[in-house]
Amino acid sequence: MTTGRLPDHEQRILDEVERALRRDRRLDRRLRTGRLRRRPDLSRVTHYRPHVLTVGLLLAVSTALLVTGIVTSRPAVIWTFAAVWPLTLFAVFRLVCRWTER
């Protein structure tokens, strides 16, 4: 069997079938969720572009947790701050990077 090009009428039929499959949203969703990934998809993280309001909110929450943790010394507040603070730093870093790209 050769690996040459399909005849024109068969290529048109194949193209039509592929277009119909691409338009099927339910099939697309099932194929996307059915995949098993060995590694997490880091492309979404690298393309994260935070808004100024998001960064401001994260900074406000982090500051409030920091002050509350210092005043109360409650472990839950301190651990919550420890979880939110790296996200805040990452968002600030990505925002500054976005501003310096221009």
N, C-alpha and C. Protein backbone atom coordinates (compact mmCIF):
# COMPACT_ATOMS: atom_id res chain seq x y z
N MET A 1 0.84 -1.17 0.00
CA MET A 1 0.00 0.00 0.00
C MET A 1 0.89 1.24 0.00
N THR A 2 0.56 2.21 -0.80
CA THR A 2 1.37 3.42 -0.88
C THR A 2 0.90 4.42 0.16
N THR A 3 1.80 5.34 0.49
CA THR A 3 1.44 6.39 1.44
C THR A 3 1.25 7.71 0.73
N GLY A 4 0.89 7.64 -0.53
CA GLY A 4 0.70 8.85 -1.33
C GLY A 4 -0.56 9.59 -0.95
N ARG A 5 -0.84 10.62 -1.69
CA ARG A 5 -1.99 11.49 -1.44
C ARG A 5 -3.27 10.77 -1.83
N LEU A 6 -4.35 11.09 -1.11
CA LEU A 6 -5.67 10.54 -1.42
C LEU A 6 -6.21 11.17 -2.69
N PRO A 7 -7.06 10.45 -3.40
CA PRO A 7 -7.73 11.08 -4.55
C PRO A 7 -8.57 12.27 -4.06
N ASP A 8 -8.82 13.22 -4.95
CA ASP A 8 -9.52 14.45 -4.57
C ASP A 8 -10.87 14.21 -3.91
N HIS A 9 -11.69 13.31 -4.46
CA HIS A 9 -13.02 13.11 -3.88
C HIS A 9 -12.91 12.49 -2.48
N GLU A 10 -11.94 11.60 -2.25
CA GLU A 10 -11.76 11.03 -0.92
C GLU A 10 -11.22 12.07 0.06
N GLN A 11 -10.35 12.95 -0.42
CA GLN A 11 -9.81 14.01 0.44
C GLN A 11 -10.92 14.97 0.87
N ARG A 12 -11.84 15.29 -0.07
CA ARG A 12 -12.97 16.16 0.28
C ARG A 12 -13.86 15.52 1.33
N ILE A 13 -14.12 14.21 1.17
CA ILE A 13 -14.95 13.50 2.15
C ILE A 13 -14.26 13.49 3.51
N LEU A 14 -12.97 13.22 3.53
CA LEU A 14 -12.22 13.22 4.78
C LEU A 14 -12.22 14.60 5.43
N ASP A 15 -12.03 15.65 4.65
CA ASP A 15 -12.08 17.01 5.19
C ASP A 15 -13.45 17.34 5.77
N GLU A 16 -14.49 16.88 5.11
CA GLU A 16 -15.85 17.14 5.60
C GLU A 16 -16.10 16.41 6.92
N VAL A 17 -15.63 15.18 7.03
CA VAL A 17 -15.79 14.42 8.27
C VAL A 17 -15.01 15.09 9.40
N GLU A 18 -13.78 15.55 9.12
CA GLU A 18 -12.98 16.23 10.13
C GLU A 18 -13.64 17.52 10.60
N ARG A 19 -14.22 18.29 9.67
CA ARG A 19 -14.92 19.52 10.05
C ARG A 19 -16.12 19.21 10.94
N ALA A 20 -16.85 18.16 10.60
CA ALA A 20 -18.02 17.79 11.41
C ALA A 20 -17.59 17.37 12.82
N LEU A 21 -16.48 16.65 12.91
CA LEU A 21 -16.00 16.23 14.22
C LEU A 21 -15.50 17.41 15.05
N ARG A 22 -14.87 18.39 14.41
CA ARG A 22 -14.40 19.57 15.12
C ARG A 22 -15.55 20.40 15.66
N ARG A 23 -16.70 20.39 14.98
CA ARG A 23 -17.85 21.18 15.42
C ARG A 23 -18.60 20.51 16.57
N ASP A 24 -18.37 19.22 16.79
CA ASP A 24 -19.08 18.49 17.84
C ASP A 24 -18.47 18.83 19.20
N ARG A 25 -19.13 19.72 19.94
CA ARG A 25 -18.60 20.19 21.22
C ARG A 25 -18.58 19.09 22.28
N ARG A 26 -19.62 18.26 22.29
CA ARG A 26 -19.68 17.20 23.29
C ARG A 26 -18.54 16.20 23.10
N LEU A 27 -18.27 15.83 21.87
CA LEU A 27 -17.15 14.94 21.58
C LEU A 27 -15.82 15.58 21.98
N ASP A 28 -15.67 16.86 21.67
CA ASP A 28 -14.44 17.57 22.00
C ASP A 28 -14.23 17.59 23.52
N ARG A 29 -15.29 17.87 24.27
CA ARG A 29 -15.18 17.90 25.73
C ARG A 29 -14.84 16.52 26.29
N ARG A 30 -15.46 15.47 25.74
CA ARG A 30 -15.17 14.12 26.22
C ARG A 30 -13.74 13.71 25.90
N LEU A 31 -13.25 14.10 24.75
CA LEU A 31 -11.87 13.76 24.40
C LEU A 31 -10.88 14.52 25.26
N ARG A 32 -11.19 15.79 25.55
CA ARG A 32 -10.28 16.59 26.38
C ARG A 32 -10.23 16.07 27.81
N THR A 33 -11.39 15.71 28.39
CA THR A 33 -11.42 15.27 29.77
C THR A 33 -10.99 13.82 29.91
N GLY A 34 -11.01 13.07 28.85
CA GLY A 34 -10.62 11.67 28.92
C GLY A 34 -9.12 11.44 28.86
N ARG A 35 -8.37 12.45 28.51
CA ARG A 35 -6.92 12.30 28.41
C ARG A 35 -6.29 12.22 29.79
N LEU A 36 -5.33 11.38 29.91
CA LEU A 36 -4.56 11.30 31.14
C LEU A 36 -3.24 12.00 30.88
N ARG A 37 -2.94 12.99 31.67
CA ARG A 37 -1.70 13.72 31.51
C ARG A 37 -0.70 13.24 32.54
N ARG A 38 0.51 13.06 32.09
CA ARG A 38 1.54 12.64 33.02
C ARG A 38 2.11 13.83 33.77
N ARG A 39 2.18 14.97 33.11
CA ARG A 39 2.70 16.18 33.74
C ARG A 39 1.63 17.27 33.68
N PRO A 40 1.62 18.17 34.64
CA PRO A 40 0.65 19.26 34.58
C PRO A 40 0.98 20.20 33.42
N ASP A 41 -0.05 20.80 32.88
CA ASP A 41 0.10 21.72 31.76
C ASP A 41 0.53 23.08 32.30
N LEU A 42 1.81 23.40 32.16
CA LEU A 42 2.34 24.65 32.68
C LEU A 42 2.15 25.82 31.73
N SER A 43 1.66 25.56 30.53
CA SER A 43 1.47 26.67 29.59
C SER A 43 0.42 27.65 30.09
N ARG A 44 -0.58 27.16 30.82
CA ARG A 44 -1.59 28.07 31.36
C ARG A 44 -0.98 28.97 32.42
N VAL A 45 -0.06 28.45 33.20
CA VAL A 45 0.58 29.24 34.25
C VAL A 45 1.47 30.31 33.64
N THR A 46 2.21 29.94 32.60
CA THR A 46 3.13 30.90 31.99
C THR A 46 2.41 31.99 31.21
N HIS A 47 1.18 31.73 30.80
CA HIS A 47 0.42 32.73 30.05
C HIS A 47 -0.56 33.50 30.93
N TYR A 48 -0.46 33.32 32.24
CA TYR A 48 -1.37 34.01 33.17
C TYR A 48 -1.10 35.50 33.11
N ARG A 49 -2.14 36.29 32.89
CA ARG A 49 -2.04 37.74 32.80
C ARG A 49 -3.04 38.35 33.78
N PRO A 50 -2.60 38.61 35.01
CA PRO A 50 -3.54 39.10 36.02
C PRO A 50 -3.97 40.54 35.76
N HIS A 51 -5.14 40.87 36.22
CA HIS A 51 -5.64 42.24 36.15
C HIS A 51 -5.18 43.00 37.39
N VAL A 52 -5.16 44.31 37.28
CA VAL A 52 -4.74 45.14 38.39
C VAL A 52 -5.66 44.94 39.60
N LEU A 53 -6.95 44.80 39.35
CA LEU A 53 -7.90 44.60 40.45
C LEU A 53 -7.65 43.27 41.17
N THR A 54 -7.32 42.24 40.42
CA THR A 54 -7.02 40.94 41.02
C THR A 54 -5.80 41.04 41.93
N VAL A 55 -4.76 41.70 41.43
CA VAL A 55 -3.54 41.85 42.23
C VAL A 55 -3.82 42.71 43.45
N GLY A 56 -4.58 43.76 43.29
CA GLY A 56 -4.94 44.61 44.43
C GLY A 56 -5.72 43.85 45.48
N LEU A 57 -6.67 43.02 45.04
CA LEU A 57 -7.44 42.22 45.98
C LEU A 57 -6.55 41.22 46.71
N LEU A 58 -5.66 40.56 45.98
CA LEU A 58 -4.74 39.62 46.62
C LEU A 58 -3.83 40.32 47.63
N LEU A 59 -3.36 41.51 47.27
CA LEU A 59 -2.52 42.26 48.21
C LEU A 59 -3.30 42.66 49.46
N ALA A 60 -4.55 43.08 49.28
CA ALA A 60 -5.37 43.46 50.43
C ALA A 60 -5.64 42.26 51.34
N VAL A 61 -5.97 41.13 50.74
CA VAL A 61 -6.24 39.93 51.54
C VAL A 61 -4.97 39.47 52.25
N SER A 62 -3.84 39.51 51.55
CA SER A 62 -2.57 39.10 52.17
C SER A 62 -2.21 40.01 53.33
N THR A 63 -2.38 41.31 53.15
CA THR A 63 -2.07 42.25 54.23
C THR A 63 -2.99 42.03 55.42
N ALA A 64 -4.27 41.84 55.16
CA ALA A 64 -5.22 41.60 56.25
C ALA A 64 -4.88 40.31 57.00
N LEU A 65 -4.51 39.27 56.25
CA LEU A 65 -4.13 38.02 56.91
C LEU A 65 -2.84 38.17 57.70
N LEU A 66 -1.90 38.93 57.16
CA LEU A 66 -0.64 39.16 57.87
C LEU A 66 -0.89 39.87 59.20
N VAL A 67 -1.65 40.93 59.16
CA VAL A 67 -1.94 41.69 60.38
C VAL A 67 -2.73 40.83 61.37
N THR A 68 -3.73 40.11 60.87
CA THR A 68 -4.54 39.26 61.74
C THR A 68 -3.69 38.15 62.35
N GLY A 69 -2.79 37.58 61.56
CA GLY A 69 -1.92 36.54 62.07
C GLY A 69 -0.97 37.05 63.14
N ILE A 70 -0.46 38.26 62.95
CA ILE A 70 0.44 38.84 63.94
C ILE A 70 -0.31 39.13 65.24
N VAL A 71 -1.51 39.67 65.12
CA VAL A 71 -2.28 40.06 66.31
C VAL A 71 -2.79 38.83 67.06
N THR A 72 -3.35 37.86 66.35
CA THR A 72 -4.00 36.74 67.02
C THR A 72 -3.10 35.53 67.22
N SER A 73 -2.10 35.36 66.40
CA SER A 73 -1.20 34.19 66.43
C SER A 73 -1.94 32.87 66.26
N ARG A 74 -3.05 32.90 65.56
CA ARG A 74 -3.80 31.68 65.31
C ARG A 74 -3.18 30.92 64.14
N PRO A 75 -2.96 29.62 64.30
CA PRO A 75 -2.32 28.83 63.24
C PRO A 75 -3.11 28.82 61.93
N ALA A 76 -4.43 28.80 62.00
CA ALA A 76 -5.24 28.77 60.77
C ALA A 76 -5.01 30.03 59.95
N VAL A 77 -4.95 31.18 60.61
CA VAL A 77 -4.73 32.44 59.90
C VAL A 77 -3.32 32.47 59.31
N ILE A 78 -2.35 31.98 60.07
CA ILE A 78 -0.97 31.98 59.59
C ILE A 78 -0.82 31.05 58.38
N TRP A 79 -1.45 29.87 58.43
CA TRP A 79 -1.38 28.95 57.31
C TRP A 79 -2.13 29.49 56.08
N THR A 80 -3.22 30.17 56.32
CA THR A 80 -3.95 30.78 55.20
C THR A 80 -3.09 31.86 54.55
N PHE A 81 -2.43 32.67 55.36
CA PHE A 81 -1.51 33.67 54.82
C PHE A 81 -0.38 32.99 54.04
N ALA A 82 0.13 31.88 54.58
CA ALA A 82 1.21 31.16 53.91
C ALA A 82 0.76 30.60 52.57
N ALA A 83 -0.51 30.30 52.42
CA ALA A 83 -1.03 29.80 51.14
C ALA A 83 -1.29 30.94 50.15
N VAL A 84 -1.76 32.08 50.65
CA VAL A 84 -2.13 33.19 49.77
C VAL A 84 -0.92 34.02 49.34
N TRP A 85 0.06 34.14 50.18
CA TRP A 85 1.20 35.02 49.90
C TRP A 85 1.98 34.63 48.63
N PRO A 86 2.32 33.36 48.40
CA PRO A 86 3.01 33.02 47.14
C PRO A 86 2.18 33.34 45.90
N LEU A 87 0.88 33.13 45.98
CA LEU A 87 0.01 33.47 44.85
C LEU A 87 0.04 34.98 44.59
N THR A 88 0.06 35.74 45.66
CA THR A 88 0.12 37.20 45.53
C THR A 88 1.43 37.62 44.89
N LEU A 89 2.53 37.06 45.36
CA LEU A 89 3.83 37.40 44.77
C LEU A 89 3.90 37.04 43.30
N PHE A 90 3.37 35.87 42.94
CA PHE A 90 3.37 35.45 41.54
C PHE A 90 2.53 36.39 40.69
N ALA A 91 1.35 36.78 41.18
CA ALA A 91 0.49 37.69 40.43
C ALA A 91 1.15 39.06 40.26
N VAL A 92 1.79 39.55 41.32
CA VAL A 92 2.48 40.84 41.22
C VAL A 92 3.62 40.74 40.21
N PHE A 93 4.37 39.65 40.27
CA PHE A 93 5.48 39.45 39.33
C PHE A 93 4.99 39.42 37.89
N ARG A 94 3.91 38.67 37.63
CA ARG A 94 3.37 38.59 36.26
C ARG A 94 2.83 39.95 35.80
N LEU A 95 2.23 40.71 36.71
CA LEU A 95 1.72 42.03 36.35
C LEU A 95 2.87 42.97 36.00
N VAL A 96 3.91 42.94 36.80
CA VAL A 96 5.08 43.79 36.51
C VAL A 96 5.72 43.37 35.20
N CYS A 97 5.81 42.08 34.95
CA CYS A 97 6.36 41.61 33.67
C CYS A 97 5.51 42.08 32.50
N ARG A 98 4.19 42.05 32.67
CA ARG A 98 3.30 42.52 31.60
C ARG A 98 3.49 44.01 31.34
N TRP A 99 3.66 44.78 32.40
CA TRP A 99 3.86 46.22 32.24
C TRP A 99 5.17 46.53 31.57
N THR A 100 6.21 45.75 31.84
CA THR A 100 7.54 46.04 31.26
C THR A 100 7.68 45.52 29.84
N GLU A 101 6.75 44.68 29.36
CA GLU A 101 6.80 44.18 27.98
C GLU A 101 6.50 45.28 26.97
N ARG A 102 5.76 46.25 27.36
CA ARG A 102 5.29 47.26 26.42
C ARG A 102 6.37 48.19 25.99
